[in-house]
Amino acid sequence: MRLSGAPHETPGLPPAEGMPDIETRAVVHTAPSRVPARQRAVLVLRYLCGLRVAEVAGILGCSEGNVKSRSARGLTRLRAQLGGQLPASAASMREA
């Protein structure tokens, strides 16, 4: 029994169309953990929960300007973690 590599029975299928491969998903999944906690909180509330700047400011007890600057810094840190790439959905949400 092999404990590493692909099992012999599993064909080497490419990832499903439109789905990133496992390595890409792992990088994208761990990148936010390398962003400072307050920036990460802003990014999660803004882009995963879809809240407006004013709502995030209210939840975190800070100014809207602070939310905007933390969003910008957090996205910059994420880009650095992802080698300058951001998934299209996050990049387009930034414009909103």
PDB file of N, CA and C in Angstrom:
ATOM      1  N   MET A   1       0.844  -1.179   0.000  1.00  0.00           N
ATOM      2  CA  MET A   1       0.000   0.000   0.000  1.00  0.00           C
ATOM      3  C   MET A   1       0.887   1.238   0.000  1.00  0.00           C
ATOM      4  N   ARG A   2       0.615   2.169  -0.918  1.00  0.00           N
ATOM      5  CA  ARG A   2       1.367   3.417  -0.980  1.00  0.00           C
ATOM      6  C   ARG A   2       0.684   4.473  -0.131  1.00  0.00           C
ATOM      7  N   LEU A   3       1.475   5.219   0.614  1.00  0.00           N
ATOM      8  CA  LEU A   3       0.910   6.279   1.442  1.00  0.00           C
ATOM      9  C   LEU A   3       1.101   7.669   0.839  1.00  0.00           C
ATOM     10  N   SER A   4       1.818   7.730  -0.253  1.00  0.00           N
ATOM     11  CA  SER A   4       1.997   9.029  -0.901  1.00  0.00           C
ATOM     12  C   SER A   4       1.765   8.878  -2.391  1.00  0.00           C
ATOM     13  N   GLY A   5       1.502   9.995  -3.053  1.00  0.00           N
ATOM     14  CA  GLY A   5       1.228   9.945  -4.482  1.00  0.00           C
ATOM     15  C   GLY A   5      -0.201   9.537  -4.748  1.00  0.00           C
ATOM     16  N   ALA A   6      -0.550   9.463  -6.032  1.00  0.00           N
ATOM     17  CA  ALA A   6      -1.908   9.096  -6.421  1.00  0.00           C
ATOM     18  C   ALA A   6      -2.063   7.583  -6.410  1.00  0.00           C
ATOM     19  N   PRO A   7      -3.186   7.081  -5.937  1.00  0.00           N
ATOM     20  CA  PRO A   7      -3.428   5.638  -5.990  1.00  0.00           C
ATOM     21  C   PRO A   7      -3.424   5.168  -7.441  1.00  0.00           C
ATOM     22  N   HIS A   8      -3.030   3.935  -7.644  1.00  0.00           N
ATOM     23  CA  HIS A   8      -2.951   3.386  -8.999  1.00  0.00           C
ATOM     24  C   HIS A   8      -4.310   3.338  -9.674  1.00  0.00           C
ATOM     25  N   GLU A   9      -5.385   3.162  -8.907  1.00  0.00           N
ATOM     26  CA  GLU A   9      -6.716   3.047  -9.493  1.00  0.00           C
ATOM     27  C   GLU A   9      -7.301   4.397  -9.920  1.00  0.00           C
ATOM     28  N   THR A  10      -6.788   5.475  -9.382  1.00  0.00           N
ATOM     29  CA  THR A  10      -7.349   6.790  -9.672  1.00  0.00           C
ATOM     30  C   THR A  10      -6.729   7.343 -10.944  1.00  0.00           C
ATOM     31  N   PRO A  11      -7.553   7.579 -11.954  1.00  0.00           N
ATOM     32  CA  PRO A  11      -7.004   8.156 -13.173  1.00  0.00           C
ATOM     33  C   PRO A  11      -6.554   9.592 -12.916  1.00  0.00           C
ATOM     34  N   GLY A  12      -5.561  10.038 -13.631  1.00  0.00           N
ATOM     35  CA  GLY A  12      -5.055  11.398 -13.486  1.00  0.00           C
ATOM     36  C   GLY A  12      -5.965  12.388 -14.178  1.00  0.00           C
ATOM     37  N   LEU A  13      -7.102  12.659 -13.579  1.00  0.00           N
ATOM     38  CA  LEU A  13      -8.068  13.582 -14.169  1.00  0.00           C
ATOM     39  C   LEU A  13      -7.706  15.022 -13.853  1.00  0.00           C
ATOM     40  N   PRO A  14      -7.903  15.920 -14.799  1.00  0.00           N
ATOM     41  CA  PRO A  14      -7.677  17.336 -14.497  1.00  0.00           C
ATOM     42  C   PRO A  14      -8.778  17.841 -13.571  1.00  0.00           C
ATOM     43  N   PRO A  15      -8.553  18.973 -12.912  1.00  0.00           N
ATOM     44  CA  PRO A  15      -9.615  19.520 -12.056  1.00  0.00           C
ATOM     45  C   PRO A  15     -10.864  19.816 -12.881  1.00  0.00           C
ATOM     46  N   ALA A  16     -11.995  19.797 -12.226  1.00  0.00           N
ATOM     47  CA  ALA A  16     -13.248  20.116 -12.910  1.00  0.00           C
ATOM     48  C   ALA A  16     -13.137  21.491 -13.543  1.00  0.00           C
ATOM     49  N   GLU A  17     -13.788  21.659 -14.670  1.00  0.00           N
ATOM     50  CA  GLU A  17     -13.719  22.931 -15.384  1.00  0.00           C
ATOM     51  C   GLU A  17     -14.195  24.070 -14.493  1.00  0.00           C
ATOM     52  N   GLY A  18     -13.399  25.114 -14.426  1.00  0.00           N
ATOM     53  CA  GLY A  18     -13.744  26.261 -13.603  1.00  0.00           C
ATOM     54  C   GLY A  18     -13.314  26.134 -12.156  1.00  0.00           C
ATOM     55  N   MET A  19     -12.819  24.978 -11.763  1.00  0.00           N
ATOM     56  CA  MET A  19     -12.380  24.753 -10.389  1.00  0.00           C
ATOM     57  C   MET A  19     -10.862  24.767 -10.343  1.00  0.00           C
ATOM     58  N   PRO A  20     -10.265  25.454  -9.346  1.00  0.00           N
ATOM     59  CA  PRO A  20      -8.812  25.449  -9.230  1.00  0.00           C
ATOM     60  C   PRO A  20      -8.315  24.090  -8.742  1.00  0.00           C
ATOM     61  N   ASP A  21      -7.053  23.800  -9.023  1.00  0.00           N
ATOM     62  CA  ASP A  21      -6.489  22.544  -8.559  1.00  0.00           C
ATOM     63  C   ASP A  21      -6.290  22.597  -7.041  1.00  0.00           C
ATOM     64  N   ILE A  22      -5.940  21.486  -6.454  1.00  0.00           N
ATOM     65  CA  ILE A  22      -5.826  21.380  -4.996  1.00  0.00           C
ATOM     66  C   ILE A  22      -4.770  22.323  -4.448  1.00  0.00           C
ATOM     67  N   GLU A  23      -3.631  22.424  -5.110  1.00  0.00           N
ATOM     68  CA  GLU A  23      -2.571  23.307  -4.632  1.00  0.00           C
ATOM     69  C   GLU A  23      -3.022  24.763  -4.627  1.00  0.00           C
ATOM     70  N   THR A  24      -3.702  25.184  -5.675  1.00  0.00           N
ATOM     71  CA  THR A  24      -4.201  26.561  -5.746  1.00  0.00           C
ATOM     72  C   THR A  24      -5.210  26.804  -4.641  1.00  0.00           C
ATOM     73  N   ARG A  25      -6.113  25.869  -4.435  1.00  0.00           N
ATOM     74  CA  ARG A  25      -7.103  26.030  -3.367  1.00  0.00           C
ATOM     75  C   ARG A  25      -6.418  26.124  -2.008  1.00  0.00           C
ATOM     76  N   ALA A  26      -5.373  25.335  -1.775  1.00  0.00           N
ATOM     77  CA  ALA A  26      -4.661  25.367  -0.497  1.00  0.00           C
ATOM     78  C   ALA A  26      -3.998  26.728  -0.277  1.00  0.00           C
ATOM     79  N   VAL A  27      -3.388  27.266  -1.321  1.00  0.00           N
ATOM     80  CA  VAL A  27      -2.738  28.578  -1.212  1.00  0.00           C
ATOM     81  C   VAL A  27      -3.779  29.653  -0.919  1.00  0.00           C
ATOM     82  N   VAL A  28      -4.884  29.629  -1.655  1.00  0.00           N
ATOM     83  CA  VAL A  28      -5.938  30.632  -1.460  1.00  0.00           C
ATOM     84  C   VAL A  28      -6.577  30.481  -0.078  1.00  0.00           C
ATOM     85  N   HIS A  29      -6.681  29.264   0.397  1.00  0.00           N
ATOM     86  CA  HIS A  29      -7.290  29.019   1.711  1.00  0.00           C
ATOM     87  C   HIS A  29      -6.396  29.513   2.845  1.00  0.00           C
ATOM     88  N   THR A  30      -5.081  29.336   2.734  1.00  0.00           N
ATOM     89  CA  THR A  30      -4.183  29.721   3.822  1.00  0.00           C
ATOM     90  C   THR A  30      -3.736  31.174   3.770  1.00  0.00           C
ATOM     91  N   ALA A  31      -3.828  31.821   2.605  1.00  0.00           N
ATOM     92  CA  ALA A  31      -3.352  33.202   2.478  1.00  0.00           C
ATOM     93  C   ALA A  31      -3.990  34.155   3.493  1.00  0.00           C
ATOM     94  N   PRO A  32      -5.302  34.104   3.726  1.00  0.00           N
ATOM     95  CA  PRO A  32      -5.891  35.035   4.702  1.00  0.00           C
ATOM     96  C   PRO A  32      -5.328  34.876   6.120  1.00  0.00           C
ATOM     97  N   SER A  33      -4.877  33.688   6.481  1.00  0.00           N
ATOM     98  CA  SER A  33      -4.329  33.493   7.824  1.00  0.00           C
ATOM     99  C   SER A  33      -3.016  34.241   8.014  1.00  0.00           C
ATOM    100  N   ARG A  34      -2.419  34.692   6.908  1.00  0.00           N
ATOM    101  CA  ARG A  34      -1.163  35.439   6.979  1.00  0.00           C
ATOM    102  C   ARG A  34      -1.384  36.951   6.926  1.00  0.00           C
ATOM    103  N   VAL A  35      -2.637  37.347   6.973  1.00  0.00           N
ATOM    104  CA  VAL A  35      -3.000  38.773   6.995  1.00  0.00           C
ATOM    105  C   VAL A  35      -3.304  39.123   8.454  1.00  0.00           C
ATOM    106  N   PRO A  36      -2.866  40.303   8.937  1.00  0.00           N
ATOM    107  CA  PRO A  36      -3.163  40.680  10.323  1.00  0.00           C
ATOM    108  C   PRO A  36      -4.655  40.566  10.650  1.00  0.00           C
ATOM    109  N   ALA A  37      -4.936  40.247  11.894  1.00  0.00           N
ATOM    110  CA  ALA A  37      -6.301  39.919  12.322  1.00  0.00           C
ATOM    111  C   ALA A  37      -7.333  40.999  11.991  1.00  0.00           C
ATOM    112  N   ARG A  38      -7.048  42.259  12.248  1.00  0.00           N
ATOM    113  CA  ARG A  38      -8.035  43.318  11.981  1.00  0.00           C
ATOM    114  C   ARG A  38      -8.273  43.484  10.482  1.00  0.00           C
ATOM    115  N   GLN A  39      -7.214  43.382   9.682  1.00  0.00           N
ATOM    116  CA  GLN A  39      -7.377  43.447   8.231  1.00  0.00           C
ATOM    117  C   GLN A  39      -8.177  42.248   7.746  1.00  0.00           C
ATOM    118  N   ARG A  40      -7.886  41.088   8.291  1.00  0.00           N
ATOM    119  CA  ARG A  40      -8.612  39.876   7.913  1.00  0.00           C
ATOM    120  C   ARG A  40     -10.090  39.991   8.263  1.00  0.00           C
ATOM    121  N   ALA A  41     -10.387  40.561   9.436  1.00  0.00           N
ATOM    122  CA  ALA A  41     -11.787  40.742   9.846  1.00  0.00           C
ATOM    123  C   ALA A  41     -12.520  41.642   8.852  1.00  0.00           C
ATOM    124  N   VAL A  42     -11.868  42.731   8.441  1.00  0.00           N
ATOM    125  CA  VAL A  42     -12.482  43.644   7.470  1.00  0.00           C
ATOM    126  C   VAL A  42     -12.718  42.923   6.147  1.00  0.00           C
ATOM    127  N   LEU A  43     -11.715  42.179   5.684  1.00  0.00           N
ATOM    128  CA  LEU A  43     -11.854  41.469   4.408  1.00  0.00           C
ATOM    129  C   LEU A  43     -12.982  40.442   4.454  1.00  0.00           C
ATOM    130  N   VAL A  44     -13.071  39.724   5.549  1.00  0.00           N
ATOM    131  CA  VAL A  44     -14.133  38.712   5.675  1.00  0.00           C
ATOM    132  C   VAL A  44     -15.505  39.376   5.682  1.00  0.00           C
ATOM    133  N   LEU A  45     -15.646  40.417   6.471  1.00  0.00           N
ATOM    134  CA  LEU A  45     -16.946  41.082   6.547  1.00  0.00           C
ATOM    135  C   LEU A  45     -17.324  41.751   5.227  1.00  0.00           C
ATOM    136  N   ARG A  46     -16.345  42.393   4.572  1.00  0.00           N
ATOM    137  CA  ARG A  46     -16.624  43.093   3.314  1.00  0.00           C
ATOM    138  C   ARG A  46     -16.864  42.130   2.162  1.00  0.00           C
ATOM    139  N   TYR A  47     -15.962  41.174   1.969  1.00  0.00           N
ATOM    140  CA  TYR A  47     -15.975  40.399   0.732  1.00  0.00           C
ATOM    141  C   TYR A  47     -16.599  39.018   0.857  1.00  0.00           C
ATOM    142  N   LEU A  48     -16.563  38.416   2.028  1.00  0.00           N
ATOM    143  CA  LEU A  48     -17.232  37.124   2.183  1.00  0.00           C
ATOM    144  C   LEU A  48     -18.668  37.293   2.669  1.00  0.00           C
ATOM    145  N   CYS A  49     -18.872  38.232   3.574  1.00  0.00           N
ATOM    146  CA  CYS A  49     -20.227  38.461   4.090  1.00  0.00           C
ATOM    147  C   CYS A  49     -20.984  39.489   3.265  1.00  0.00           C
ATOM    148  N   GLY A  50     -20.282  40.238   2.438  1.00  0.00           N
ATOM    149  CA  GLY A  50     -20.927  41.201   1.555  1.00  0.00           C
ATOM    150  C   GLY A  50     -21.475  42.431   2.248  1.00  0.00           C
ATOM    151  N   LEU A  51     -20.888  42.804   3.388  1.00  0.00           N
ATOM    152  CA  LEU A  51     -21.370  43.973   4.108  1.00  0.00           C
ATOM    153  C   LEU A  51     -20.798  45.255   3.525  1.00  0.00           C
ATOM    154  N   ARG A  52     -21.533  46.345   3.703  1.00  0.00           N
ATOM    155  CA  ARG A  52     -21.083  47.659   3.247  1.00  0.00           C
ATOM    156  C   ARG A  52     -20.067  48.220   4.238  1.00  0.00           C
ATOM    157  N   VAL A  53     -19.307  49.193   3.777  1.00  0.00           N
ATOM    158  CA  VAL A  53     -18.264  49.812   4.606  1.00  0.00           C
ATOM    159  C   VAL A  53     -18.850  50.300   5.930  1.00  0.00           C
ATOM    160  N   ALA A  54     -19.995  50.985   5.881  1.00  0.00           N
ATOM    161  CA  ALA A  54     -20.611  51.518   7.097  1.00  0.00           C
ATOM    162  C   ALA A  54     -20.991  50.397   8.073  1.00  0.00           C
ATOM    163  N   GLU A  55     -21.477  49.287   7.547  1.00  0.00           N
ATOM    164  CA  GLU A  55     -21.857  48.160   8.409  1.00  0.00           C
ATOM    165  C   GLU A  55     -20.634  47.552   9.089  1.00  0.00           C
ATOM    166  N   VAL A  56     -19.558  47.413   8.331  1.00  0.00           N
ATOM    167  CA  VAL A  56     -18.322  46.857   8.897  1.00  0.00           C
ATOM    168  C   VAL A  56     -17.785  47.795   9.974  1.00  0.00           C
ATOM    169  N   ALA A  57     -17.808  49.091   9.697  1.00  0.00           N
ATOM    170  CA  ALA A  57     -17.340  50.075  10.675  1.00  0.00           C
ATOM    171  C   ALA A  57     -18.147  49.963  11.976  1.00  0.00           C
ATOM    172  N   GLY A  58     -19.459  49.807  11.853  1.00  0.00           N
ATOM    173  CA  GLY A  58     -20.301  49.660  13.033  1.00  0.00           C
ATOM    174  C   GLY A  58     -19.983  48.407  13.823  1.00  0.00           C
ATOM    175  N   ILE A  59     -19.774  47.306  13.129  1.00  0.00           N
ATOM    176  CA  ILE A  59     -19.476  46.037  13.801  1.00  0.00           C
ATOM    177  C   ILE A  59     -18.132  46.101  14.516  1.00  0.00           C
ATOM    178  N   LEU A  60     -17.131  46.683  13.846  1.00  0.00           N
ATOM    179  CA  LEU A  60     -15.777  46.709  14.408  1.00  0.00           C
ATOM    180  C   LEU A  60     -15.521  47.917  15.299  1.00  0.00           C
ATOM    181  N   GLY A  61     -16.490  48.842  15.348  1.00  0.00           N
ATOM    182  CA  GLY A  61     -16.336  50.018  16.201  1.00  0.00           C
ATOM    183  C   GLY A  61     -15.206  50.937  15.750  1.00  0.00           C
ATOM    184  N   CYS A  62     -15.121  51.161  14.452  1.00  0.00           N
ATOM    185  CA  CYS A  62     -14.096  52.053  13.911  1.00  0.00           C
ATOM    186  C   CYS A  62     -14.716  52.925  12.824  1.00  0.00           C
ATOM    187  N   SER A  63     -13.925  53.837  12.276  1.00  0.00           N
ATOM    188  CA  SER A  63     -14.444  54.735  11.252  1.00  0.00           C
ATOM    189  C   SER A  63     -14.521  54.041   9.893  1.00  0.00           C
ATOM    190  N   GLU A  64     -15.307  54.597   8.991  1.00  0.00           N
ATOM    191  CA  GLU A  64     -15.403  54.067   7.636  1.00  0.00           C
ATOM    192  C   GLU A  64     -14.064  54.204   6.920  1.00  0.00           C
ATOM    193  N   GLY A  65     -13.353  55.279   7.174  1.00  0.00           N
ATOM    194  CA  GLY A  65     -12.029  55.458   6.589  1.00  0.00           C
ATOM    195  C   GLY A  65     -11.071  54.364   7.023  1.00  0.00           C
ATOM    196  N   ASN A  66     -11.202  53.946   8.293  1.00  0.00           N
ATOM    197  CA  ASN A  66     -10.366  52.874   8.814  1.00  0.00           C
ATOM    198  C   ASN A  66     -10.685  51.564   8.098  1.00  0.00           C
ATOM    199  N   VAL A  67     -11.961  51.309   7.857  1.00  0.00           N
ATOM    200  CA  VAL A  67     -12.368  50.100   7.129  1.00  0.00           C
ATOM    201  C   VAL A  67     -11.784  50.117   5.726  1.00  0.00           C
ATOM    202  N   LYS A  68     -11.856  51.258   5.066  1.00  0.00           N
ATOM    203  CA  LYS A  68     -11.333  51.367   3.704  1.00  0.00           C
ATOM    204  C   LYS A  68      -9.830  51.141   3.663  1.00  0.00           C
ATOM    205  N   SER A  69      -9.107  51.743   4.603  1.00  0.00           N
ATOM    206  CA  SER A  69      -7.650  51.581   4.593  1.00  0.00           C
ATOM    207  C   SER A  69      -7.254  50.148   4.942  1.00  0.00           C
ATOM    208  N   ARG A  70      -7.962  49.544   5.890  1.00  0.00           N
ATOM    209  CA  ARG A  70      -7.660  48.138   6.213  1.00  0.00           C
ATOM    210  C   ARG A  70      -8.005  47.214   5.057  1.00  0.00           C
ATOM    211  N   SER A  71      -9.064  47.534   4.331  1.00  0.00           N
ATOM    212  CA  SER A  71      -9.402  46.739   3.139  1.00  0.00           C
ATOM    213  C   SER A  71      -8.278  46.818   2.121  1.00  0.00           C
ATOM    214  N   ALA A  72      -7.818  48.033   1.864  1.00  0.00           N
ATOM    215  CA  ALA A  72      -6.748  48.221   0.875  1.00  0.00           C
ATOM    216  C   ALA A  72      -5.470  47.505   1.304  1.00  0.00           C
ATOM    217  N   ARG A  73      -5.086  47.668   2.565  1.00  0.00           N
ATOM    218  CA  ARG A  73      -3.870  47.008   3.057  1.00  0.00           C
ATOM    219  C   ARG A  73      -4.027  45.494   3.067  1.00  0.00           C
ATOM    220  N   GLY A  74      -5.201  45.029   3.471  1.00  0.00           N
ATOM    221  CA  GLY A  74      -5.443  43.580   3.496  1.00  0.00           C
ATOM    222  C   GLY A  74      -5.392  42.968   2.109  1.00  0.00           C
ATOM    223  N   LEU A  75      -5.992  43.642   1.132  1.00  0.00           N
ATOM    224  CA  LEU A  75      -5.945  43.142  -0.243  1.00  0.00           C
ATOM    225  C   LEU A  75      -4.517  43.154  -0.777  1.00  0.00           C
ATOM    226  N   THR A  76      -3.730  44.167  -0.401  1.00  0.00           N
ATOM    227  CA  THR A  76      -2.324  44.214  -0.809  1.00  0.00           C
ATOM    228  C   THR A  76      -1.568  43.026  -0.219  1.00  0.00           C
ATOM    229  N   ARG A  77      -1.824  42.720   1.050  1.00  0.00           N
ATOM    230  CA  ARG A  77      -1.165  41.565   1.694  1.00  0.00           C
ATOM    231  C   ARG A  77      -1.595  40.260   1.033  1.00  0.00           C
ATOM    232  N   LEU A  78      -2.889  40.148   0.722  1.00  0.00           N
ATOM    233  CA  LEU A  78      -3.360  38.940   0.039  1.00  0.00           C
ATOM    234  C   LEU A  78      -2.706  38.779  -1.323  1.00  0.00           C
ATOM    235  N   ARG A  79      -2.612  39.875  -2.070  1.00  0.00           N
ATOM    236  CA  ARG A  79      -1.950  39.823  -3.377  1.00  0.00           C
ATOM    237  C   ARG A  79      -0.518  39.329  -3.233  1.00  0.00           C
ATOM    238  N   ALA A  80       0.169  39.822  -2.215  1.00  0.00           N
ATOM    239  CA  ALA A  80       1.550  39.399  -1.977  1.00  0.00           C
ATOM    240  C   ALA A  80       1.602  37.901  -1.670  1.00  0.00           C
ATOM    241  N   GLN A  81       0.661  37.417  -0.869  1.00  0.00           N
ATOM    242  CA  GLN A  81       0.611  35.997  -0.526  1.00  0.00           C
ATOM    243  C   GLN A  81       0.301  35.129  -1.743  1.00  0.00           C
ATOM    244  N   LEU A  82      -0.496  35.689  -2.650  1.00  0.00           N
ATOM    245  CA  LEU A  82      -0.934  34.929  -3.828  1.00  0.00           C
ATOM    246  C   LEU A  82      -0.071  35.221  -5.054  1.00  0.00           C
ATOM    247  N   GLY A  83       1.082  35.804  -4.841  1.00  0.00           N
ATOM    248  CA  GLY A  83       1.975  36.074  -5.959  1.00  0.00           C
ATOM    249  C   GLY A  83       1.450  37.131  -6.910  1.00  0.00           C
ATOM    250  N   GLY A  84       0.745  38.133  -6.380  1.00  0.00           N
ATOM    251  CA  GLY A  84       0.231  39.213  -7.209  1.00  0.00           C
ATOM    252  C   GLY A  84      -1.112  38.924  -7.847  1.00  0.00           C
ATOM    253  N   GLN A  85      -1.658  37.754  -7.631  1.00  0.00           N
ATOM    254  CA  GLN A  85      -2.937  37.371  -8.229  1.00  0.00           C
ATOM    255  C   GLN A  85      -4.023  37.397  -7.164  1.00  0.00           C
ATOM    256  N   LEU A  86      -5.177  37.882  -7.526  1.00  0.00           N
ATOM    257  CA  LEU A  86      -6.361  37.785  -6.683  1.00  0.00           C
ATOM    258  C   LEU A  86      -7.451  37.138  -7.506  1.00  0.00           C
ATOM    259  N   PRO A  87      -8.230  36.243  -6.913  1.00  0.00           N
ATOM    260  CA  PRO A  87      -9.337  35.682  -7.666  1.00  0.00           C
ATOM    261  C   PRO A  87     -10.215  36.798  -8.223  1.00  0.00           C
ATOM    262  N   ALA A  88     -10.769  36.592  -9.401  1.00  0.00           N
ATOM    263  CA  ALA A  88     -11.571  37.615 -10.083  1.00  0.00           C
ATOM    264  C   ALA A  88     -12.712  38.113  -9.205  1.00  0.00           C
ATOM    265  N   SER A  89     -13.336  37.230  -8.445  1.00  0.00           N
ATOM    266  CA  SER A  89     -14.477  37.640  -7.623  1.00  0.00           C
ATOM    267  C   SER A  89     -14.065  38.658  -6.574  1.00  0.00           C
ATOM    268  N   ALA A  90     -12.916  38.497  -5.950  1.00  0.00           N
ATOM    269  CA  ALA A  90     -12.459  39.450  -4.937  1.00  0.00           C
ATOM    270  C   ALA A  90     -12.055  40.764  -5.578  1.00  0.00           C
ATOM    271  N   ALA A  91     -11.400  40.706  -6.708  1.00  0.00           N
ATOM    272  CA  ALA A  91     -10.975  41.931  -7.382  1.00  0.00           C
ATOM    273  C   ALA A  91     -12.177  42.745  -7.828  1.00  0.00           C
ATOM    274  N   SER A  92     -13.205  42.096  -8.346  1.00  0.00           N
ATOM    275  CA  SER A  92     -14.377  42.829  -8.807  1.00  0.00           C
ATOM    276  C   SER A  92     -15.178  43.383  -7.639  1.00  0.00           C
ATOM    277  N   MET A  93     -15.171  42.704  -6.507  1.00  0.00           N
ATOM    278  CA  MET A  93     -15.899  43.183  -5.338  1.00  0.00           C
ATOM    279  C   MET A  93     -15.248  44.435  -4.782  1.00  0.00           C
ATOM    280  N   ARG A  94     -13.949  44.575  -4.970  1.00  0.00           N
ATOM    281  CA  ARG A  94     -13.242  45.738  -4.457  1.00  0.00           C
ATOM    282  C   ARG A  94     -13.762  47.007  -5.119  1.00  0.00           C
ATOM    283  N   GLU A  95     -14.157  46.895  -6.368  1.00  0.00           N
ATOM    284  CA  GLU A  95     -14.647  48.040  -7.101  1.00  0.00           C
ATOM    285  C   GLU A  95     -16.013  48.493  -6.585  1.00  0.00           C
ATOM    286  N   ALA A  96     -16.756  47.589  -5.945  1.00  0.00           N
ATOM    287  CA  ALA A  96     -18.122  47.891  -5.487  1.00  0.00           C
ATOM    288  C   ALA A  96     -18.141  48.828  -4.314  1.00  0.00           C
TER     289      ALA A  96
END
